[in-house]
């Protein structure tokens, strides 16, 4: 999408746009705080990608 915004799938057909962004990966260094890490990732992605919806 841009140099710093990456998505797994980006598709357009007619007037419809589909953007799929991976959200489920937790790196090993955050294995003990998965809920906090996951929440922070989701909030970060909403802030960065919401302008594209």
Protein backbone atom coordinates (compact mmCIF):
# COMPACT_ATOMS: atom_id res chain seq x y z
CA UNK A 1 0.00 0.00 0.00
CA UNK A 2 2.89 2.33 0.90
CA UNK A 3 6.50 1.94 2.01
CA UNK A 4 5.45 1.34 5.64
CA UNK A 5 1.86 0.03 5.28
CA UNK A 6 1.74 -3.60 4.22
CA UNK A 7 -1.27 -5.83 3.64
CA UNK A 8 -1.57 -9.50 2.71
CA UNK A 9 -4.32 -9.00 0.10
CA UNK A 10 -5.40 -5.84 -1.72
CA UNK A 11 -7.99 -6.22 -4.46
CA UNK A 12 -10.30 -3.93 -6.42
CA UNK A 13 -13.13 -4.94 -8.69
CA UNK A 14 -15.74 -2.52 -9.91
CA UNK A 15 -16.53 -0.21 -7.00
CA UNK A 16 -15.45 -2.69 -4.31
CA UNK A 17 -12.12 -2.78 -2.48
CA UNK A 18 -10.85 -5.64 -0.30
CA UNK A 19 -7.92 -5.19 2.09
CA UNK A 20 -6.80 -8.07 4.31
CA UNK A 21 -4.27 -7.39 7.06
CA UNK A 22 -2.65 -10.13 9.17
CA UNK A 23 -3.37 -9.64 12.87
CA UNK A 24 -2.81 -12.97 14.63
CA UNK A 25 0.99 -13.38 14.84
CA UNK A 26 2.65 -13.03 18.25
CA UNK A 27 6.47 -13.09 18.24
CA UNK A 28 8.23 -15.32 20.81
CA UNK A 29 9.48 -12.35 22.85
CA UNK A 30 5.82 -11.49 23.64
CA UNK A 31 4.70 -15.03 24.48
CA UNK A 32 4.00 -14.07 28.09
CA UNK A 33 1.96 -10.93 27.27
CA UNK A 34 0.00 -12.04 24.21
CA UNK A 35 -3.23 -10.18 25.03
CA UNK A 36 -1.44 -6.87 25.61
CA UNK A 37 0.67 -7.35 22.47
CA UNK A 38 -2.35 -8.33 20.37
CA UNK A 39 -4.40 -5.35 21.62
CA UNK A 40 -1.57 -2.92 20.88
CA UNK A 41 -1.12 -4.37 17.36
CA UNK A 42 -4.84 -4.06 16.59
CA UNK A 43 -5.00 -0.45 17.84
CA UNK A 44 -1.89 0.42 15.84
CA UNK A 45 -3.32 -1.12 12.67
CA UNK A 46 -6.66 0.65 13.09
CA UNK A 47 -4.86 3.98 13.44
CA UNK A 48 -2.59 3.37 10.43
CA UNK A 49 -5.03 1.71 8.03
CA UNK A 50 -8.38 3.36 8.80
CA UNK A 51 -7.77 6.12 6.28
CA UNK A 52 -7.86 3.45 3.52
CA UNK A 53 -11.37 2.15 4.35
